[in-house]
N, C-alpha and C. Protein backbone atom coordinates (compact mmCIF):
# COMPACT_ATOMS: atom_id res chain seq x y z
N MET A 1 0.92 -1.37 0.16
CA MET A 1 0.07 0.13 0.13
C MET A 1 1.00 0.90 -0.08
N LEU A 2 1.36 1.04 0.88
CA LEU A 2 2.47 2.46 0.62
C LEU A 2 3.44 2.70 -0.65
N LEU A 3 3.79 2.14 -0.80
CA LEU A 3 4.85 1.29 -2.18
C LEU A 3 3.55 1.87 -3.38
N GLN A 4 2.35 2.05 -3.43
CA GLN A 4 1.63 2.37 -4.61
C GLN A 4 0.92 3.88 -4.08
N ASN A 5 1.50 4.11 -2.80
CA ASN A 5 0.74 5.50 -2.46
C ASN A 5 2.20 6.52 -2.97
N LYS A 6 3.27 5.98 -2.87
CA LYS A 6 4.38 6.96 -3.28
C LYS A 6 4.49 6.89 -5.12
N LEU A 7 4.34 5.50 -5.38
CA LEU A 7 4.00 5.79 -6.97
C LEU A 7 2.98 6.92 -7.43
N GLN A 8 1.97 7.07 -6.92
CA GLN A 8 0.79 7.88 -7.47
C GLN A 8 1.22 8.92 -7.00
N ARG A 9 2.25 9.45 -6.04
CA ARG A 9 2.30 11.15 -5.94
C ARG A 9 3.53 11.04 -6.76
N TYR A 10 4.31 10.27 -7.35
CA TYR A 10 5.65 10.22 -8.60
C TYR A 10 4.84 10.72 -9.79
N LEU A 11 4.16 9.69 -9.93
CA LEU A 11 2.91 10.22 -11.32
C LEU A 11 2.43 11.97 -11.29
N GLN A 12 2.27 12.26 -10.14
CA GLN A 12 1.57 13.40 -9.99
C GLN A 12 2.41 14.67 -10.03
N HIS A 13 3.79 14.22 -9.80
CA HIS A 13 4.95 14.90 -9.77
C HIS A 13 4.90 15.88 -11.16
N PRO A 14 5.08 17.60 -10.94
CA PRO A 14 5.14 18.26 -12.32
C PRO A 14 6.27 17.99 -13.32
N GLU A 15 7.31 17.48 -12.52
CA GLU A 15 8.59 17.21 -13.06
C GLU A 15 8.23 16.04 -14.42
N PHE A 16 7.17 14.76 -13.70
CA PHE A 16 7.20 13.63 -14.68
C PHE A 16 5.70 14.10 -15.39
N THR A 17 4.94 14.70 -15.04
CA THR A 17 3.88 15.30 -16.01
C THR A 17 4.95 15.78 -17.19
N ALA A 18 5.80 16.95 -16.88
CA ALA A 18 6.21 17.41 -18.04
C ALA A 18 6.94 16.74 -19.18
N GLU A 19 7.42 15.87 -18.61
CA GLU A 19 8.25 14.75 -19.62
C GLU A 19 7.03 13.89 -20.03
N LYS A 20 5.86 13.32 -19.07
CA LYS A 20 5.12 12.98 -20.38
C LYS A 20 4.66 13.38 -21.72
N LYS A 21 4.51 14.90 -21.20
CA LYS A 21 3.88 15.84 -22.09
C LYS A 21 4.94 16.45 -23.28
N LYS A 22 6.64 15.99 -23.07
CA LYS A 22 7.35 16.23 -24.38
C LYS A 22 7.52 14.82 -24.89
N MET A 23 7.38 13.96 -24.55
CA MET A 23 7.07 12.73 -25.10
C MET A 23 5.91 12.34 -26.03
N GLU A 24 4.77 12.90 -25.60
CA GLU A 24 3.19 13.00 -26.29
C GLU A 24 3.34 13.48 -27.68
N PHE A 25 4.51 13.76 -28.27
CA PHE A 25 4.97 15.15 -29.48
C PHE A 25 5.76 14.19 -30.43
N ARG A 26 5.82 14.05 -31.68
CA ARG A 26 6.86 13.27 -32.49
C ARG A 26 6.88 14.49 -33.98
N VAL A 27 8.18 14.78 -33.77
CA VAL A 27 8.81 15.50 -35.10
C VAL A 27 8.20 15.35 -36.34
N GLY A 28 7.39 16.23 -36.78
CA GLY A 28 6.72 16.08 -37.81
C GLY A 28 5.34 16.47 -37.70
N GLN A 29 4.86 16.22 -36.82
CA GLN A 29 3.82 16.59 -36.03
C GLN A 29 2.86 17.98 -36.03
N ASN A 30 1.76 18.05 -36.41
CA ASN A 30 1.47 19.45 -36.45
C ASN A 30 0.76 19.71 -35.20
N VAL A 31 1.32 21.13 -34.57
CA VAL A 31 1.28 21.23 -32.99
C VAL A 31 0.75 22.76 -33.04
N GLN A 32 0.11 23.24 -31.94
CA GLN A 32 -0.25 24.61 -32.06
C GLN A 32 0.10 25.08 -30.43
N PHE A 33 -0.08 26.63 -30.27
CA PHE A 33 0.46 27.55 -28.91
C PHE A 33 0.05 28.39 -28.94
N THR A 34 -0.35 29.29 -27.67
CA THR A 34 -0.90 30.54 -27.86
C THR A 34 0.39 31.24 -27.56
N ASN A 35 0.64 32.25 -28.67
CA ASN A 35 1.19 32.94 -28.53
C ASN A 35 1.19 34.29 -27.12
N SER A 36 1.95 34.28 -26.06
CA SER A 36 1.60 35.34 -24.88
C SER A 36 2.12 36.57 -25.19
N LYS A 37 2.59 37.18 -26.01
CA LYS A 37 2.07 38.90 -26.10
C LYS A 37 0.81 39.29 -27.07
N THR A 38 0.53 38.32 -27.88
CA THR A 38 -0.66 38.75 -29.18
C THR A 38 -1.80 37.90 -28.38
N GLY A 39 -1.35 36.74 -27.63
CA GLY A 39 -2.60 36.09 -27.11
C GLY A 39 -3.04 35.40 -28.58
N GLU A 40 -2.45 35.08 -29.60
CA GLU A 40 -3.44 34.38 -30.59
C GLU A 40 -2.42 32.93 -31.11
N THR A 41 -3.63 31.71 -31.14
CA THR A 41 -3.29 30.67 -31.53
C THR A 41 -2.02 30.60 -32.84
N VAL A 42 -0.99 30.17 -32.82
CA VAL A 42 -0.02 29.38 -33.96
C VAL A 42 0.05 28.45 -33.97
N ILE A 43 -0.53 27.62 -34.85
CA ILE A 43 0.12 26.43 -35.66
C ILE A 43 0.81 26.10 -36.87
N GLY A 44 2.01 25.23 -36.21
CA GLY A 44 2.70 24.46 -36.65
C GLY A 44 3.36 23.17 -37.02
N MET A 45 4.52 23.14 -37.24
CA MET A 45 5.02 21.94 -37.63
C MET A 45 6.12 21.65 -36.57
N LEU A 46 6.26 20.13 -35.67
CA LEU A 46 6.98 20.20 -35.07
C LEU A 46 8.35 19.46 -35.91
N VAL A 47 9.61 20.55 -35.80
CA VAL A 47 10.99 19.69 -36.41
C VAL A 47 11.87 19.40 -35.44
N LYS A 48 12.19 19.72 -34.23
CA LYS A 48 12.86 19.39 -33.65
C LYS A 48 12.68 19.28 -32.15
N LYS A 49 13.37 18.14 -31.34
CA LYS A 49 13.07 18.53 -29.63
C LYS A 49 13.84 18.45 -28.81
N ASN A 50 14.22 19.54 -28.10
CA ASN A 50 15.28 19.53 -26.91
C ASN A 50 14.54 19.00 -26.16
N PRO A 51 15.60 19.49 -24.56
CA PRO A 51 14.97 18.66 -23.38
C PRO A 51 14.29 20.20 -22.38
N THR A 52 14.58 21.32 -23.07
CA THR A 52 14.34 22.54 -22.79
C THR A 52 12.80 22.95 -23.46
N TYR A 53 13.50 22.81 -24.64
CA TYR A 53 12.65 23.65 -25.92
C TYR A 53 12.24 23.07 -26.70
N GLN A 54 10.88 22.87 -27.48
CA GLN A 54 10.41 22.27 -28.88
C GLN A 54 10.70 23.32 -29.87
N HIS A 55 11.24 22.73 -31.35
CA HIS A 55 11.63 23.72 -32.01
C HIS A 55 10.06 23.66 -33.05
N VAL A 56 9.39 24.61 -33.41
CA VAL A 56 8.20 24.79 -33.99
C VAL A 56 8.12 25.70 -35.35
N LYS A 57 8.07 24.86 -36.60
CA LYS A 57 8.01 25.93 -37.81
C LYS A 57 7.02 26.32 -38.14
N THR A 58 6.72 27.50 -38.22
CA THR A 58 5.23 28.43 -38.49
C THR A 58 5.20 29.09 -39.85
N GLU A 59 4.36 29.74 -40.16
CA GLU A 59 4.35 30.21 -41.27
C GLU A 59 5.72 31.47 -40.89
N SER A 60 5.48 32.53 -40.09
CA SER A 60 6.15 33.37 -39.99
C SER A 60 7.59 33.08 -39.10
N GLY A 61 8.14 31.78 -39.13
CA GLY A 61 9.19 31.51 -38.54
C GLY A 61 9.14 30.23 -37.75
N THR A 62 10.54 30.10 -37.23
CA THR A 62 10.83 28.89 -36.32
C THR A 62 10.64 29.02 -34.37
N TRP A 63 9.99 28.71 -33.97
CA TRP A 63 9.64 29.40 -32.63
C TRP A 63 10.48 28.30 -31.87
N LYS A 64 10.76 28.48 -30.29
CA LYS A 64 11.13 27.84 -29.98
C LYS A 64 10.53 27.63 -28.61
N VAL A 65 9.67 26.88 -28.26
CA VAL A 65 7.94 26.32 -27.54
C VAL A 65 8.68 25.19 -26.09
N PRO A 66 7.76 25.47 -25.19
CA PRO A 66 8.00 25.07 -24.15
C PRO A 66 6.88 23.65 -24.36
N ALA A 67 7.17 22.51 -24.10
CA ALA A 67 6.50 21.41 -24.29
C ALA A 67 5.19 21.80 -23.57
N SER A 68 5.02 22.29 -22.17
CA SER A 68 4.28 22.34 -21.42
C SER A 68 2.92 23.31 -22.52
N MET A 69 3.54 24.34 -23.51
CA MET A 69 2.70 25.31 -24.04
C MET A 69 2.26 24.91 -25.28
N LEU A 70 2.27 23.19 -25.58
CA LEU A 70 2.10 22.90 -27.28
C LEU A 70 0.61 21.94 -27.23
N SER A 71 0.09 21.65 -27.62
CA SER A 71 -1.36 20.70 -27.97
C SER A 71 -1.18 21.04 -29.36
N ALA A 72 -1.67 19.06 -29.58
CA ALA A 72 -1.68 19.01 -30.86
C ALA A 72 -3.10 19.46 -31.82
N ALA A 73 -2.26 19.98 -32.90
CA ALA A 73 -3.28 20.59 -33.86
C ALA A 73 -4.14 19.77 -34.43
């Protein structure tokens, strides 16, 4: 029972959920995120995955975006 509780807490830890989010996307997949300056939704293609930022190619150029801000388009 104790081990199950520890595992459950680990799976809910923010670092683990961020890792799951990164693994959720594949290079070549269409993704979207919200531009924090303008509030508009930007749609593009994931071209590179790094530990900190994911590179997303859009019509306006390539953006470095944290995986936590991405969602499938």
